[in-house]
Amino acid sequence: MKDKVYWSGVEYTYEYGSPDYGRLKGGFVYIFARAFDVREALDKILTDLKNHDIAPVEIEFISPYDKEMEWEEESQKKRYMELYNTALKSEQVIFDDFYAYEKEE
């Protein structure tokens, strides 16, 4: 069986131990991971989040990345193809930029 690159959109909070714990509420990030199936991809993603003291609030989706996906801007397509290609060559979980939410006072 050939492995694929899966991607996921994850809403998260920071756990105690994270440098951002107590400073930021949480955020959203796209994550790419090479795996044989969705279960392996999810396991890799959850393990890596835990290792970074980040707790998922919601896994919005997880699916094989569609290289033909339409994006509003060419820069988005280029960015996500770069992340896809990096994940394809790596055993590591690859994170896009973290979009953090400010903590409400």
PDB file of N, CA and C in Angstrom:
ATOM      1  N   MET A   1       0.838  -1.180   0.000  1.00  0.00           N
ATOM      2  CA  MET A   1       0.000   0.000   0.000  1.00  0.00           C
ATOM      3  C   MET A   1       0.890   1.253   0.000  1.00  0.00           C
ATOM      4  N   LYS A   2       0.556   2.185  -0.836  1.00  0.00           N
ATOM      5  CA  LYS A   2       1.346   3.408  -0.954  1.00  0.00           C
ATOM      6  C   LYS A   2       0.831   4.478   0.007  1.00  0.00           C
ATOM      7  N   ASP A   3       1.749   5.207   0.644  1.00  0.00           N
ATOM      8  CA  ASP A   3       1.291   6.258   1.541  1.00  0.00           C
ATOM      9  C   ASP A   3       0.952   7.523   0.765  1.00  0.00           C
ATOM     10  N   LYS A   4       0.159   8.380   1.398  1.00  0.00           N
ATOM     11  CA  LYS A   4      -0.317   9.627   0.818  1.00  0.00           C
ATOM     12  C   LYS A   4      -0.001  10.761   1.774  1.00  0.00           C
ATOM     13  N   VAL A   5      -0.199  11.972   1.301  1.00  0.00           N
ATOM     14  CA  VAL A   5      -0.114  13.128   2.186  1.00  0.00           C
ATOM     15  C   VAL A   5      -1.536  13.536   2.546  1.00  0.00           C
ATOM     16  N   TYR A   6      -1.791  13.521   3.834  1.00  0.00           N
ATOM     17  CA  TYR A   6      -3.081  13.966   4.364  1.00  0.00           C
ATOM     18  C   TYR A   6      -2.912  15.366   4.908  1.00  0.00           C
ATOM     19  N   TRP A   7      -3.996  16.118   4.864  1.00  0.00           N
ATOM     20  CA  TRP A   7      -3.960  17.428   5.488  1.00  0.00           C
ATOM     21  C   TRP A   7      -5.169  17.567   6.385  1.00  0.00           C
ATOM     22  N   SER A   8      -5.033  18.457   7.352  1.00  0.00           N
ATOM     23  CA  SER A   8      -6.075  18.621   8.348  1.00  0.00           C
ATOM     24  C   SER A   8      -6.125  20.083   8.780  1.00  0.00           C
ATOM     25  N   GLY A   9      -7.317  20.518   9.134  1.00  0.00           N
ATOM     26  CA  GLY A   9      -7.504  21.833   9.740  1.00  0.00           C
ATOM     27  C   GLY A   9      -7.859  21.612  11.194  1.00  0.00           C
ATOM     28  N   VAL A  10      -7.072  22.189  12.094  1.00  0.00           N
ATOM     29  CA  VAL A  10      -7.246  21.924  13.517  1.00  0.00           C
ATOM     30  C   VAL A  10      -7.391  23.237  14.288  1.00  0.00           C
ATOM     31  N   GLU A  11      -8.470  23.320  15.060  1.00  0.00           N
ATOM     32  CA  GLU A  11      -8.612  24.404  16.026  1.00  0.00           C
ATOM     33  C   GLU A  11      -8.029  23.878  17.333  1.00  0.00           C
ATOM     34  N   TYR A  12      -7.285  24.706  18.039  1.00  0.00           N
ATOM     35  CA  TYR A  12      -6.541  24.210  19.200  1.00  0.00           C
ATOM     36  C   TYR A  12      -6.520  25.220  20.342  1.00  0.00           C
ATOM     37  N   THR A  13      -6.118  24.733  21.511  1.00  0.00           N
ATOM     38  CA  THR A  13      -5.800  25.578  22.666  1.00  0.00           C
ATOM     39  C   THR A  13      -4.395  25.197  23.129  1.00  0.00           C
ATOM     40  N   TYR A  14      -3.794  26.092  23.892  1.00  0.00           N
ATOM     41  CA  TYR A  14      -2.466  25.830  24.444  1.00  0.00           C
ATOM     42  C   TYR A  14      -2.608  25.162  25.801  1.00  0.00           C
ATOM     43  N   GLU A  15      -1.798  24.137  26.050  1.00  0.00           N
ATOM     44  CA  GLU A  15      -1.798  23.449  27.326  1.00  0.00           C
ATOM     45  C   GLU A  15      -0.699  24.006  28.226  1.00  0.00           C
ATOM     46  N   TYR A  16      -0.852  23.721  29.519  1.00  0.00           N
ATOM     47  CA  TYR A  16       0.183  24.106  30.470  1.00  0.00           C
ATOM     48  C   TYR A  16       1.504  23.515  29.993  1.00  0.00           C
ATOM     49  N   GLY A  17       2.544  24.303  29.965  1.00  0.00           N
ATOM     50  CA  GLY A  17       3.838  23.852  29.461  1.00  0.00           C
ATOM     51  C   GLY A  17       4.191  24.565  28.174  1.00  0.00           C
ATOM     52  N   SER A  18       3.170  25.012  27.456  1.00  0.00           N
ATOM     53  CA  SER A  18       3.418  25.778  26.232  1.00  0.00           C
ATOM     54  C   SER A  18       3.822  27.198  26.602  1.00  0.00           C
ATOM     55  N   PRO A  19       4.768  27.790  25.860  1.00  0.00           N
ATOM     56  CA  PRO A  19       5.148  29.180  26.138  1.00  0.00           C
ATOM     57  C   PRO A  19       3.969  30.150  25.961  1.00  0.00           C
ATOM     58  N   ASP A  20       2.956  29.743  25.200  1.00  0.00           N
ATOM     59  CA  ASP A  20       1.809  30.613  24.952  1.00  0.00           C
ATOM     60  C   ASP A  20       0.639  30.351  25.898  1.00  0.00           C
ATOM     61  N   TYR A  21       0.779  29.369  26.792  1.00  0.00           N
ATOM     62  CA  TYR A  21      -0.283  29.065  27.751  1.00  0.00           C
ATOM     63  C   TYR A  21      -0.546  30.288  28.632  1.00  0.00           C
ATOM     64  N   GLY A  22      -1.808  30.679  28.748  1.00  0.00           N
ATOM     65  CA  GLY A  22      -2.174  31.821  29.566  1.00  0.00           C
ATOM     66  C   GLY A  22      -2.025  33.147  28.851  1.00  0.00           C
ATOM     67  N   ARG A  23      -1.263  33.171  27.770  1.00  0.00           N
ATOM     68  CA  ARG A  23      -1.038  34.402  27.013  1.00  0.00           C
ATOM     69  C   ARG A  23      -1.981  34.501  25.820  1.00  0.00           C
ATOM     70  N   LEU A  24      -2.182  33.367  25.140  1.00  0.00           N
ATOM     71  CA  LEU A  24      -3.080  33.303  23.987  1.00  0.00           C
ATOM     72  C   LEU A  24      -4.152  32.247  24.242  1.00  0.00           C
ATOM     73  N   LYS A  25      -5.324  32.460  23.652  1.00  0.00           N
ATOM     74  CA  LYS A  25      -6.439  31.532  23.865  1.00  0.00           C
ATOM     75  C   LYS A  25      -6.236  30.218  23.125  1.00  0.00           C
ATOM     76  N   GLY A  26      -5.758  30.293  21.919  1.00  0.00           N
ATOM     77  CA  GLY A  26      -5.608  29.117  21.066  1.00  0.00           C
ATOM     78  C   GLY A  26      -5.513  29.586  19.634  1.00  0.00           C
ATOM     79  N   GLY A  27      -5.982  28.758  18.684  1.00  0.00           N
ATOM     80  CA  GLY A  27      -5.900  29.188  17.306  1.00  0.00           C
ATOM     81  C   GLY A  27      -6.320  28.114  16.327  1.00  0.00           C
ATOM     82  N   PHE A  28      -5.822  28.273  15.101  1.00  0.00           N
ATOM     83  CA  PHE A  28      -6.133  27.362  14.007  1.00  0.00           C
ATOM     84  C   PHE A  28      -4.866  27.147  13.193  1.00  0.00           C
ATOM     85  N   VAL A  29      -4.700  25.913  12.693  1.00  0.00           N
ATOM     86  CA  VAL A  29      -3.532  25.604  11.868  1.00  0.00           C
ATOM     87  C   VAL A  29      -3.883  24.487  10.886  1.00  0.00           C
ATOM     88  N   TYR A  30      -3.315  24.590   9.684  1.00  0.00           N
ATOM     89  CA  TYR A  30      -3.354  23.482   8.738  1.00  0.00           C
ATOM     90  C   TYR A  30      -2.132  22.619   8.996  1.00  0.00           C
ATOM     91  N   ILE A  31      -2.333  21.297   8.926  1.00  0.00           N
ATOM     92  CA  ILE A  31      -1.263  20.345   9.211  1.00  0.00           C
ATOM     93  C   ILE A  31      -1.210  19.310   8.086  1.00  0.00           C
ATOM     94  N   PHE A  32       0.005  18.964   7.666  1.00  0.00           N
ATOM     95  CA  PHE A  32       0.221  17.967   6.622  1.00  0.00           C
ATOM     96  C   PHE A  32       1.014  16.806   7.207  1.00  0.00           C
ATOM     97  N   ALA A  33       0.630  15.572   6.838  1.00  0.00           N
ATOM     98  CA  ALA A  33       1.343  14.400   7.344  1.00  0.00           C
ATOM     99  C   ALA A  33       1.267  13.275   6.313  1.00  0.00           C
ATOM    100  N   ARG A  34       2.394  12.643   6.088  1.00  0.00           N
ATOM    101  CA  ARG A  34       2.429  11.478   5.191  1.00  0.00           C
ATOM    102  C   ARG A  34       2.033  10.248   5.992  1.00  0.00           C
ATOM    103  N   ALA A  35       1.082   9.486   5.439  1.00  0.00           N
ATOM    104  CA  ALA A  35       0.593   8.307   6.151  1.00  0.00           C
ATOM    105  C   ALA A  35      -0.035   7.334   5.166  1.00  0.00           C
ATOM    106  N   PHE A  36      -0.248   6.093   5.637  1.00  0.00           N
ATOM    107  CA  PHE A  36      -0.891   5.071   4.806  1.00  0.00           C
ATOM    108  C   PHE A  36      -2.402   5.241   4.753  1.00  0.00           C
ATOM    109  N   ASP A  37      -2.975   5.751   5.873  1.00  0.00           N
ATOM    110  CA  ASP A  37      -4.421   5.947   5.911  1.00  0.00           C
ATOM    111  C   ASP A  37      -4.752   7.075   6.874  1.00  0.00           C
ATOM    112  N   VAL A  38      -6.026   7.415   6.914  1.00  0.00           N
ATOM    113  CA  VAL A  38      -6.455   8.548   7.730  1.00  0.00           C
ATOM    114  C   VAL A  38      -6.190   8.305   9.218  1.00  0.00           C
ATOM    115  N   ARG A  39      -6.314   7.059   9.655  1.00  0.00           N
ATOM    116  CA  ARG A  39      -6.080   6.747  11.069  1.00  0.00           C
ATOM    117  C   ARG A  39      -4.623   7.006  11.456  1.00  0.00           C
ATOM    118  N   GLU A  40      -3.689   6.578  10.609  1.00  0.00           N
ATOM    119  CA  GLU A  40      -2.273   6.827  10.892  1.00  0.00           C
ATOM    120  C   GLU A  40      -1.976   8.324  10.861  1.00  0.00           C
ATOM    121  N   ALA A  41      -2.561   9.035   9.899  1.00  0.00           N
ATOM    122  CA  ALA A  41      -2.352  10.485   9.821  1.00  0.00           C
ATOM    123  C   ALA A  41      -2.870  11.165  11.088  1.00  0.00           C
ATOM    124  N   LEU A  42      -4.063  10.791  11.529  1.00  0.00           N
ATOM    125  CA  LEU A  42      -4.629  11.382  12.745  1.00  0.00           C
ATOM    126  C   LEU A  42      -3.757  11.082  13.956  1.00  0.00           C
ATOM    127  N   ASP A  43      -3.270   9.851  14.081  1.00  0.00           N
ATOM    128  CA  ASP A  43      -2.386   9.494  15.193  1.00  0.00           C
ATOM    129  C   ASP A  43      -1.128  10.354  15.188  1.00  0.00           C
ATOM    130  N   LYS A  44      -0.521  10.526  14.012  1.00  0.00           N
ATOM    131  CA  LYS A  44       0.697  11.349  13.911  1.00  0.00           C
ATOM    132  C   LYS A  44       0.403  12.792  14.315  1.00  0.00           C
ATOM    133  N   ILE A  45      -0.696  13.328  13.822  1.00  0.00           N
ATOM    134  CA  ILE A  45      -1.058  14.718  14.111  1.00  0.00           C
ATOM    135  C   ILE A  45      -1.317  14.906  15.604  1.00  0.00           C
ATOM    136  N   LEU A  46      -2.113  14.034  16.204  1.00  0.00           N
ATOM    137  CA  LEU A  46      -2.425  14.167  17.626  1.00  0.00           C
ATOM    138  C   LEU A  46      -1.183  14.030  18.497  1.00  0.00           C
ATOM    139  N   THR A  47      -0.291  13.105  18.148  1.00  0.00           N
ATOM    140  CA  THR A  47       0.953  12.923  18.903  1.00  0.00           C
ATOM    141  C   THR A  47       1.817  14.167  18.815  1.00  0.00           C
ATOM    142  N   ASP A  48       1.947  14.731  17.616  1.00  0.00           N
ATOM    143  CA  ASP A  48       2.798  15.910  17.457  1.00  0.00           C
ATOM    144  C   ASP A  48       2.207  17.118  18.174  1.00  0.00           C
ATOM    145  N   LEU A  49       0.901  17.293  18.122  1.00  0.00           N
ATOM    146  CA  LEU A  49       0.270  18.394  18.861  1.00  0.00           C
ATOM    147  C   LEU A  49       0.558  18.256  20.353  1.00  0.00           C
ATOM    148  N   LYS A  50       0.398  17.050  20.886  1.00  0.00           N
ATOM    149  CA  LYS A  50       0.652  16.815  22.312  1.00  0.00           C
ATOM    150  C   LYS A  50       2.110  17.125  22.660  1.00  0.00           C
ATOM    151  N   ASN A  51       3.032  16.743  21.783  1.00  0.00           N
ATOM    152  CA  ASN A  51       4.452  17.018  22.015  1.00  0.00           C
ATOM    153  C   ASN A  51       4.751  18.516  22.036  1.00  0.00           C
ATOM    154  N   HIS A  52       3.890  19.323  21.431  1.00  0.00           N
ATOM    155  CA  HIS A  52       4.052  20.779  21.425  1.00  0.00           C
ATOM    156  C   HIS A  52       3.162  21.463  22.462  1.00  0.00           C
ATOM    157  N   ASP A  53       2.590  20.681  23.389  1.00  0.00           N
ATOM    158  CA  ASP A  53       1.685  21.204  24.424  1.00  0.00           C
ATOM    159  C   ASP A  53       0.514  21.972  23.821  1.00  0.00           C
ATOM    160  N   ILE A  54      -0.050  21.379  22.778  1.00  0.00           N
ATOM    161  CA  ILE A  54      -1.213  21.941  22.109  1.00  0.00           C
ATOM    162  C   ILE A  54      -2.317  20.883  22.142  1.00  0.00           C
ATOM    163  N   ALA A  55      -3.530  21.313  22.531  1.00  0.00           N
ATOM    164  CA  ALA A  55      -4.662  20.393  22.601  1.00  0.00           C
ATOM    165  C   ALA A  55      -5.661  20.715  21.496  1.00  0.00           C
ATOM    166  N   PRO A  56      -6.025  19.741  20.689  1.00  0.00           N
ATOM    167  CA  PRO A  56      -7.026  20.008  19.661  1.00  0.00           C
ATOM    168  C   PRO A  56      -8.394  20.236  20.299  1.00  0.00           C
ATOM    169  N   VAL A  57      -9.082  21.266  19.831  1.00  0.00           N
ATOM    170  CA  VAL A  57     -10.451  21.527  20.253  1.00  0.00           C
ATOM    171  C   VAL A  57     -11.388  20.885  19.241  1.00  0.00           C
ATOM    172  N   GLU A  58     -11.028  21.038  17.962  1.00  0.00           N
ATOM    173  CA  GLU A  58     -11.820  20.446  16.893  1.00  0.00           C
ATOM    174  C   GLU A  58     -10.920  20.114  15.708  1.00  0.00           C
ATOM    175  N   ILE A  59     -11.030  18.888  15.241  1.00  0.00           N
ATOM    176  CA  ILE A  59     -10.392  18.491  13.984  1.00  0.00           C
ATOM    177  C   ILE A  59     -11.451  18.788  12.926  1.00  0.00           C
ATOM    178  N   GLU A  60     -11.281  19.875  12.196  1.00  0.00           N
ATOM    179  CA  GLU A  60     -12.322  20.297  11.263  1.00  0.00           C
ATOM    180  C   GLU A  60     -12.439  19.364  10.066  1.00  0.00           C
ATOM    181  N   PHE A  61     -11.311  18.797   9.646  1.00  0.00           N
ATOM    182  CA  PHE A  61     -11.310  17.808   8.570  1.00  0.00           C
ATOM    183  C   PHE A  61      -9.960  17.121   8.550  1.00  0.00           C
ATOM    184  N   ILE A  62      -9.928  15.954   7.933  1.00  0.00           N
ATOM    185  CA  ILE A  62      -8.673  15.274   7.633  1.00  0.00           C
ATOM    186  C   ILE A  62      -8.930  14.425   6.391  1.00  0.00           C
ATOM    187  N   SER A  63      -8.126  14.659   5.366  1.00  0.00           N
ATOM    188  CA  SER A  63      -8.326  13.951   4.102  1.00  0.00           C
ATOM    189  C   SER A  63      -7.042  13.994   3.280  1.00  0.00           C
ATOM    190  N   PRO A  64      -6.949  13.117   2.274  1.00  0.00           N
ATOM    191  CA  PRO A  64      -5.792  13.214   1.378  1.00  0.00           C
ATOM    192  C   PRO A  64      -5.788  14.586   0.710  1.00  0.00           C
ATOM    193  N   TYR A  65      -4.607  15.176   0.584  1.00  0.00           N
ATOM    194  CA  TYR A  65      -4.521  16.491  -0.046  1.00  0.00           C
ATOM    195  C   TYR A  65      -4.727  16.336  -1.547  1.00  0.00           C
ATOM    196  N   ASP A  66      -5.615  17.133  -2.106  1.00  0.00           N
ATOM    197  CA  ASP A  66      -5.919  17.123  -3.534  1.00  0.00           C
ATOM    198  C   ASP A  66      -5.021  18.154  -4.228  1.00  0.00           C
ATOM    199  N   LYS A  67      -4.040  17.668  -4.965  1.00  0.00           N
ATOM    200  CA  LYS A  67      -3.083  18.567  -5.630  1.00  0.00           C
ATOM    201  C   LYS A  67      -3.753  19.449  -6.677  1.00  0.00           C
ATOM    202  N   GLU A  68      -4.944  19.095  -7.124  1.00  0.00           N
ATOM    203  CA  GLU A  68      -5.667  19.880  -8.137  1.00  0.00           C
ATOM    204  C   GLU A  68      -6.671  20.852  -7.508  1.00  0.00           C
ATOM    205  N   MET A  69      -6.642  20.991  -6.196  1.00  0.00           N
ATOM    206  CA  MET A  69      -7.594  21.849  -5.510  1.00  0.00           C
ATOM    207  C   MET A  69      -7.509  23.291  -6.026  1.00  0.00           C
ATOM    208  N   GLU A  70      -8.675  23.906  -6.184  1.00  0.00           N
ATOM    209  CA  GLU A  70      -8.750  25.301  -6.618  1.00  0.00           C
ATOM    210  C   GLU A  70      -8.605  26.222  -5.412  1.00  0.00           C
ATOM    211  N   TRP A  71      -7.781  27.230  -5.558  1.00  0.00           N
ATOM    212  CA  TRP A  71      -7.597  28.244  -4.517  1.00  0.00           C
ATOM    213  C   TRP A  71      -7.913  29.609  -5.109  1.00  0.00           C
ATOM    214  N   GLU A  72      -8.298  30.541  -4.246  1.00  0.00           N
ATOM    215  CA  GLU A  72      -8.622  31.891  -4.706  1.00  0.00           C
ATOM    216  C   GLU A  72      -7.404  32.585  -5.302  1.00  0.00           C
ATOM    217  N   GLU A  73      -6.260  32.340  -4.703  1.00  0.00           N
ATOM    218  CA  GLU A  73      -5.039  33.010  -5.151  1.00  0.00           C
ATOM    219  C   GLU A  73      -3.958  31.973  -5.483  1.00  0.00           C
ATOM    220  N   GLU A  74      -3.169  32.279  -6.479  1.00  0.00           N
ATOM    221  CA  GLU A  74      -2.080  31.390  -6.891  1.00  0.00           C
ATOM    222  C   GLU A  74      -1.067  31.203  -5.752  1.00  0.00           C
ATOM    223  N   SER A  75      -0.883  32.255  -4.944  1.00  0.00           N
ATOM    224  CA  SER A  75       0.063  32.171  -3.829  1.00  0.00           C
ATOM    225  C   SER A  75      -0.367  31.104  -2.815  1.00  0.00           C
ATOM    226  N   GLN A  76      -1.681  30.938  -2.631  1.00  0.00           N
ATOM    227  CA  GLN A  76      -2.171  29.899  -1.722  1.00  0.00           C
ATOM    228  C   GLN A  76      -1.852  28.521  -2.279  1.00  0.00           C
ATOM    229  N   LYS A  77      -2.125  28.330  -3.554  1.00  0.00           N
ATOM    230  CA  LYS A  77      -1.851  27.030  -4.186  1.00  0.00           C
ATOM    231  C   LYS A  77      -0.365  26.693  -4.063  1.00  0.00           C
ATOM    232  N   LYS A  78       0.482  27.681  -4.320  1.00  0.00           N
ATOM    233  CA  LYS A  78       1.929  27.469  -4.241  1.00  0.00           C
ATOM    234  C   LYS A  78       2.343  27.116  -2.810  1.00  0.00           C
ATOM    235  N   ARG A  79       1.820  27.840  -1.830  1.00  0.00           N
ATOM    236  CA  ARG A  79       2.164  27.611  -0.431  1.00  0.00           C
ATOM    237  C   ARG A  79       1.799  26.191   0.002  1.00  0.00           C
ATOM    238  N   TYR A  80       0.580  25.772  -0.311  1.00  0.00           N
ATOM    239  CA  TYR A  80       0.140  24.456   0.128  1.00  0.00           C
ATOM    240  C   TYR A  80       0.812  23.325  -0.641  1.00  0.00           C
ATOM    241  N   MET A  81       1.189  23.567  -1.879  1.00  0.00           N
ATOM    242  CA  MET A  81       1.959  22.553  -2.616  1.00  0.00           C
ATOM    243  C   MET A  81       3.364  22.411  -2.013  1.00  0.00           C
ATOM    244  N   GLU A  82       3.939  23.521  -1.542  1.00  0.00           N
ATOM    245  CA  GLU A  82       5.244  23.445  -0.866  1.00  0.00           C
ATOM    246  C   GLU A  82       5.131  22.602   0.405  1.00  0.00           C
ATOM    247  N   LEU A  83       4.068  22.826   1.185  1.00  0.00           N
ATOM    248  CA  LEU A  83       3.868  22.042   2.409  1.00  0.00           C
ATOM    249  C   LEU A  83       3.614  20.573   2.075  1.00  0.00           C
ATOM    250  N   TYR A  84       2.829  20.327   1.042  1.00  0.00           N
ATOM    251  CA  TYR A  84       2.557  18.967   0.571  1.00  0.00           C
ATOM    252  C   TYR A  84       3.872  18.273   0.202  1.00  0.00           C
ATOM    253  N   ASN A  85       4.696  18.931  -0.606  1.00  0.00           N
ATOM    254  CA  ASN A  85       5.958  18.335  -1.050  1.00  0.00           C
ATOM    255  C   ASN A  85       6.918  18.097   0.110  1.00  0.00           C
ATOM    256  N   THR A  86       6.933  19.002   1.069  1.00  0.00           N
ATOM    257  CA  THR A  86       7.771  18.806   2.255  1.00  0.00           C
ATOM    258  C   THR A  86       7.300  17.582   3.030  1.00  0.00           C
ATOM    259  N   ALA A  87       5.992  17.460   3.203  1.00  0.00           N
ATOM    260  CA  ALA A  87       5.439  16.314   3.934  1.00  0.00           C
ATOM    261  C   ALA A  87       5.694  15.007   3.193  1.00  0.00           C
ATOM    262  N   LEU A  88       5.624  15.049   1.876  1.00  0.00           N
ATOM    263  CA  LEU A  88       5.832  13.854   1.059  1.00  0.00           C
ATOM    264  C   LEU A  88       7.218  13.258   1.268  1.00  0.00           C
ATOM    265  N   LYS A  89       8.197  14.104   1.570  1.00  0.00           N
ATOM    266  CA  LYS A  89       9.583  13.668   1.736  1.00  0.00           C
ATOM    267  C   LYS A  89       9.980  13.469   3.202  1.00  0.00           C
ATOM    268  N   SER A  90       9.019  13.601   4.108  1.00  0.00           N
ATOM    269  CA  SER A  90       9.358  13.611   5.528  1.00  0.00           C
ATOM    270  C   SER A  90       8.503  12.638   6.330  1.00  0.00           C
ATOM    271  N   GLU A  91       9.054  12.182   7.419  1.00  0.00           N
ATOM    272  CA  GLU A  91       8.282  11.403   8.390  1.00  0.00           C
ATOM    273  C   GLU A  91       7.655  12.339   9.422  1.00  0.00           C
ATOM    274  N   GLN A  92       8.058  13.606   9.388  1.00  0.00           N
ATOM    275  CA  GLN A  92       7.578  14.583  10.361  1.00  0.00           C
ATOM    276  C   GLN A  92       6.221  15.145   9.962  1.00  0.00           C
ATOM    277  N   VAL A  93       5.482  15.616  10.946  1.00  0.00           N
ATOM    278  CA  VAL A  93       4.253  16.357  10.710  1.00  0.00           C
ATOM    279  C   VAL A  93       4.668  17.778  10.340  1.00  0.00           C
ATOM    280  N   ILE A  94       4.050  18.327   9.297  1.00  0.00           N
ATOM    281  CA  ILE A  94       4.411  19.655   8.795  1.00  0.00           C
ATOM    282  C   ILE A  94       3.271  20.628   9.102  1.00  0.00           C
ATOM    283  N   PHE A  95       3.607  21.710   9.791  1.00  0.00           N
ATOM    284  CA  PHE A  95       2.617  22.711  10.166  1.00  0.00           C
ATOM    285  C   PHE A  95       2.695  23.910   9.234  1.00  0.00           C
ATOM    286  N   ASP A  96       1.529  24.444   8.883  1.00  0.00           N
ATOM    287  CA  ASP A  96       1.444  25.742   8.226  1.00  0.00           C
ATOM    288  C   ASP A  96       1.595  26.785   9.333  1.00  0.00           C
ATOM    289  N   ASP A  97       1.401  28.050   9.002  1.00  0.00           N
ATOM    290  CA  ASP A  97       1.451  29.106  10.006  1.00  0.00           C
ATOM    291  C   ASP A  97       0.341  28.902  11.040  1.00  0.00           C
ATOM    292  N   PHE A  98       0.666  29.176  12.289  1.00  0.00           N
ATOM    293  CA  PHE A  98      -0.327  29.121  13.365  1.00  0.00           C
ATOM    294  C   PHE A  98      -1.050  30.456  13.403  1.00  0.00           C
ATOM    295  N   TYR A  99      -2.368  30.401  13.375  1.00  0.00           N
ATOM    296  CA  TYR A  99      -3.189  31.612  13.483  1.00  0.00           C
ATOM    297  C   TYR A  99      -3.767  31.623  14.881  1.00  0.00           C
ATOM    298  N   ALA A 100      -3.139  32.369  15.778  1.00  0.00           N
ATOM    299  CA  ALA A 100      -3.513  32.365  17.195  1.00  0.00           C
ATOM    300  C   ALA A 100      -4.605  33.387  17.491  1.00  0.00           C
ATOM    301  N   TYR A 101      -5.455  33.024  18.449  1.00  0.00           N
ATOM    302  CA  TYR A 101      -6.512  33.913  18.929  1.00  0.00           C
ATOM    303  C   TYR A 101      -6.028  34.589  20.196  1.00  0.00           C
ATOM    304  N   GLU A 102      -6.278  35.868  20.282  1.00  0.00           N
ATOM    305  CA  GLU A 102      -5.928  36.608  21.488  1.00  0.00           C
ATOM    306  C   GLU A 102      -6.797  36.123  22.655  1.00  0.00           C
ATOM    307  N   LYS A 103      -6.217  36.125  23.831  1.00  0.00           N
ATOM    308  CA  LYS A 103      -6.964  35.748  25.025  1.00  0.00           C
ATOM    309  C   LYS A 103      -7.898  36.891  25.410  1.00  0.00           C
ATOM    310  N   GLU A 104      -9.132  36.544  25.690  1.00  0.00           N
ATOM    311  CA  GLU A 104     -10.113  37.569  26.103  1.00  0.00           C
ATOM    312  C   GLU A 104      -9.893  37.896  27.562  1.00  0.00           C
ATOM    313  N   GLU A 105      -9.899  39.172  27.868  1.00  0.00           N
ATOM    314  CA  GLU A 105      -9.688  39.611  29.253  1.00  0.00           C
ATOM    315  C   GLU A 105     -10.995  39.665  30.007  1.00  0.00           C
TER     316      GLU A 105
END
